[in-house]
Amino acid sequence: MIKYSLLILLLSFNFSFALTTKTIPKNLEIKLDKVLKEHFNANFANKEIMQFSEEVHQNVQFNHKEDIIFKLKDINSNTIGFAYVGKARSKIAMFDYVVIFDKNIVISQVKVLIYRESQGGEIGSKRFLQQFFGFEKNKEIIYKKDIAGISGATMSAVSITKSINNVLKTMGSLYRLKQL
């Protein structure tokens, strides 16, 4: 009986640990690492997945099951910024993107990592994505005012603008709660 109880306890611990440990698919991680190395040059050393308490999850609205926030460090283990990896909807499928923030929570780069449709991929262009640079936590981005539309990718452009607005709110909330 004791062995059975111990086995159940061990299995439940492993199961609950698996639910709280975040991972990123290998193909997505390879693309993310390439973007981070290009962005920070030799200054980037590693990334750490940030974990937040249940209380923080209740007070900050973000998809903590799918979206991942990384703390980015230099070779001396100093924080140099943050990377928010998320998903947004295009016309039919979801696409993966990263928003890179400097240590002051200002957007310094946005990149579409994986786009899964034949139309709308124009949102991955540098010209379009550079429009998001410089926005900071808690600022609202207005599509067609702050962000020029893009022909052939209207739904994806609206979607990534809305998603990045949510990311800015999330990062602002985490900053206010002293989690960043």
Protein backbone atom coordinates (compact mmCIF):
# COMPACT_ATOMS: atom_id res chain seq x y z
CA MET A 1 0.00 0.00 0.00
CA ILE A 2 2.83 2.39 0.87
CA LYS A 3 4.58 1.61 -2.44
CA TYR A 4 1.33 2.31 -4.32
CA SER A 5 0.81 5.63 -2.52
CA LEU A 6 4.42 6.63 -3.15
CA LEU A 7 4.06 5.77 -6.85
CA ILE A 8 0.90 7.88 -7.17
CA LEU A 9 2.60 10.79 -5.40
CA LEU A 10 5.64 10.52 -7.64
CA LEU A 11 3.54 10.34 -10.81
CA SER A 12 1.39 13.30 -9.80
CA PHE A 13 4.54 15.35 -9.06
CA ASN A 14 5.99 14.49 -12.47
CA PHE A 15 2.70 15.27 -14.19
CA SER A 16 2.32 18.64 -12.46
CA PHE A 17 5.95 19.48 -13.22
CA ALA A 18 5.36 18.65 -16.90
CA LEU A 19 2.40 21.01 -16.95
CA THR A 20 4.41 23.94 -15.62
CA THR A 21 7.64 23.42 -17.57
CA LYS A 22 7.58 25.33 -20.83
CA THR A 23 9.32 24.20 -23.95
CA ILE A 24 9.69 25.59 -27.41
CA PRO A 25 9.69 23.40 -30.55
CA LYS A 26 13.24 22.82 -31.82
CA ASN A 27 12.64 24.37 -35.27
CA LEU A 28 11.24 27.51 -33.63
CA GLU A 29 14.12 27.68 -31.15
CA ILE A 30 16.69 27.48 -33.96
CA LYS A 31 15.04 30.40 -35.75
CA LEU A 32 14.73 32.37 -32.52
CA ASP A 33 18.41 31.85 -31.64
CA LYS A 34 19.43 33.03 -35.11
CA VAL A 35 17.34 36.22 -34.75
CA LEU A 36 18.72 36.91 -31.26
CA LYS A 37 22.34 36.43 -32.36
CA GLU A 38 21.84 38.72 -35.37
CA HIS A 39 20.10 41.35 -33.25
CA PHE A 40 22.54 41.47 -30.34
CA ASN A 41 25.70 40.49 -32.26
CA ALA A 42 28.43 39.23 -29.93
CA ASN A 43 26.67 40.66 -26.86
CA PHE A 44 24.05 37.87 -26.66
CA ALA A 45 25.04 34.83 -24.58
CA ASN A 46 21.88 32.99 -23.52
CA LYS A 47 18.16 33.07 -22.88
CA GLU A 48 16.17 31.85 -19.91
CA ILE A 49 12.46 31.01 -19.99
CA MET A 50 10.78 33.15 -17.38
CA GLN A 51 8.40 31.37 -15.02
CA PHE A 52 5.69 33.25 -13.15
CA SER A 53 3.65 32.37 -10.09
CA GLU A 54 -0.02 31.46 -10.31
CA GLU A 55 -0.82 34.83 -8.72
CA VAL A 56 1.01 36.64 -11.53
CA HIS A 57 -0.83 34.55 -14.13
CA GLN A 58 -4.14 35.59 -12.57
CA ASN A 59 -3.20 39.30 -12.64
CA VAL A 60 -1.59 39.44 -16.08
CA GLN A 61 -3.55 38.48 -19.16
CA PHE A 62 -1.44 36.54 -21.60
CA ASN A 63 -1.53 33.07 -23.05
CA HIS A 64 0.93 31.57 -20.58
CA LYS A 65 0.36 28.08 -22.01
CA GLU A 66 1.56 28.97 -25.51
CA ASP A 67 3.40 32.28 -25.32
CA ILE A 68 6.87 32.32 -23.80
CA ILE A 69 8.89 35.19 -22.38
CA PHE A 70 12.66 34.88 -22.29
CA LYS A 71 15.10 36.93 -20.25
CA LEU A 72 18.11 37.64 -22.47
CA LYS A 73 21.61 37.80 -20.97
CA ASP A 74 25.04 38.86 -22.13
CA ILE A 75 28.31 37.00 -21.54
CA ASN A 76 28.55 38.53 -18.04
CA SER A 77 25.01 37.32 -17.16
CA ASN A 78 23.62 40.88 -17.25
CA THR A 79 20.06 41.27 -18.53
CA ILE A 80 20.16 42.89 -21.98
CA GLY A 81 16.50 42.52 -22.84
CA PHE A 82 13.52 40.23 -23.21
CA ALA A 83 12.01 38.20 -26.02
CA TYR A 84 8.29 37.44 -26.22
CA VAL A 85 7.51 34.50 -28.49
CA GLY A 86 3.85 34.21 -29.41
CA LYS A 87 1.32 33.06 -31.98
CA ALA A 88 -1.14 35.11 -33.99
CA ARG A 89 -3.84 34.20 -36.49
CA SER A 90 -3.51 34.83 -40.19
CA LYS A 91 -6.47 34.14 -42.49
CA ILE A 92 -6.60 30.40 -41.80
CA ALA A 93 -3.56 29.29 -39.80
CA MET A 94 -1.47 30.58 -36.91
CA PHE A 95 1.98 32.11 -37.31
CA ASP A 96 4.82 32.40 -34.82
CA TYR A 97 6.52 35.71 -34.07
CA VAL A 98 9.01 37.22 -31.64
CA VAL A 99 9.05 40.69 -30.15
CA ILE A 100 12.45 41.69 -28.79
CA PHE A 101 12.59 44.33 -26.07
CA ASP A 102 15.57 46.18 -24.70
CA LYS A 103 16.05 46.20 -20.93
CA ASN A 104 13.79 49.30 -20.68
CA ILE A 105 10.89 47.35 -22.25
CA VAL A 106 11.02 49.19 -25.57
CA ILE A 107 10.53 47.18 -28.78
CA SER A 108 13.81 46.90 -30.65
CA GLN A 109 12.80 44.21 -33.15
CA VAL A 110 9.83 42.18 -34.37
CA LYS A 111 10.26 39.12 -36.54
CA VAL A 112 7.84 36.59 -38.00
CA LEU A 113 9.53 33.26 -37.30
CA ILE A 114 7.17 30.82 -39.04
CA TYR A 115 4.36 31.82 -41.42
CA ARG A 116 2.17 28.92 -42.54
CA GLU A 117 0.09 30.29 -45.43
CA SER A 118 0.74 31.08 -49.07
CA GLN A 119 -0.82 34.57 -48.83
CA GLY A 120 -0.16 37.34 -46.32
CA GLY A 121 3.50 36.56 -45.75
CA GLU A 122 4.33 40.16 -46.64
CA ILE A 123 3.95 40.99 -42.93
CA GLY A 124 7.35 39.35 -42.49
CA SER A 125 9.06 42.14 -44.44
CA LYS A 126 11.55 44.37 -42.60
CA ARG A 127 9.80 47.47 -43.94
CA PHE A 128 6.48 46.48 -42.37
CA LEU A 129 7.86 45.19 -39.06
CA GLN A 130 10.14 48.20 -38.47
CA GLN A 131 7.00 50.24 -37.84
CA PHE A 132 6.71 48.58 -34.41
CA PHE A 133 10.23 49.59 -33.26
CA GLY A 134 10.33 52.09 -30.43
CA PHE A 135 6.91 51.34 -28.93
CA GLU A 136 7.13 50.75 -25.22
CA LYS A 137 5.19 48.99 -22.50
CA ASN A 138 1.56 50.10 -22.11
CA LYS A 139 1.51 52.09 -25.37
CA GLU A 140 -1.35 51.32 -27.71
CA ILE A 141 -0.55 50.85 -31.38
CA ILE A 142 -3.33 51.85 -33.76
CA TYR A 143 -3.49 50.07 -37.10
CA LYS A 144 -3.61 52.48 -40.08
CA LYS A 145 -2.53 55.36 -37.83
CA ASP A 146 0.72 54.10 -36.31
CA ILE A 147 1.06 51.10 -38.61
CA ALA A 148 0.56 51.43 -42.37
CA GLY A 149 -1.51 48.66 -43.91
CA ILE A 150 -0.03 46.19 -46.32
CA SER A 151 -1.76 45.10 -49.50
CA GLY A 152 -2.46 41.38 -49.67
CA ALA A 153 -1.91 40.85 -45.96
CA THR A 154 -4.61 42.91 -44.28
CA MET A 155 -5.85 40.18 -41.93
CA SER A 156 -2.33 39.21 -40.87
CA ALA A 157 -1.28 42.86 -40.45
CA VAL A 158 -4.30 43.58 -38.23
CA SER A 159 -3.66 40.36 -36.30
CA ILE A 160 0.01 41.06 -35.57
CA THR A 161 -0.80 44.65 -34.57
CA LYS A 162 -3.46 43.41 -32.14
CA SER A 163 -1.09 40.72 -30.83
CA ILE A 164 1.76 43.18 -30.28
CA ASN A 165 -0.66 45.50 -28.45
CA ASN A 166 -1.45 42.60 -26.12
CA VAL A 167 2.28 41.90 -25.71
CA LEU A 168 2.89 45.55 -24.74
CA LYS A 169 0.10 45.37 -22.15
CA THR A 170 1.49 42.11 -20.78
CA MET A 171 5.03 43.46 -20.52
CA GLY A 172 3.72 46.63 -18.87
CA SER A 173 1.79 44.59 -16.30
CA LEU A 174 4.79 42.37 -15.59
CA TYR A 175 6.96 45.46 -15.19
CA ARG A 176 4.48 47.04 -12.74
CA LEU A 177 4.47 43.79 -10.74
CA LYS A 178 8.30 43.89 -10.68
CA GLN A 179 8.55 40.62 -12.61
CA LEU A 180 10.91 42.01 -15.27
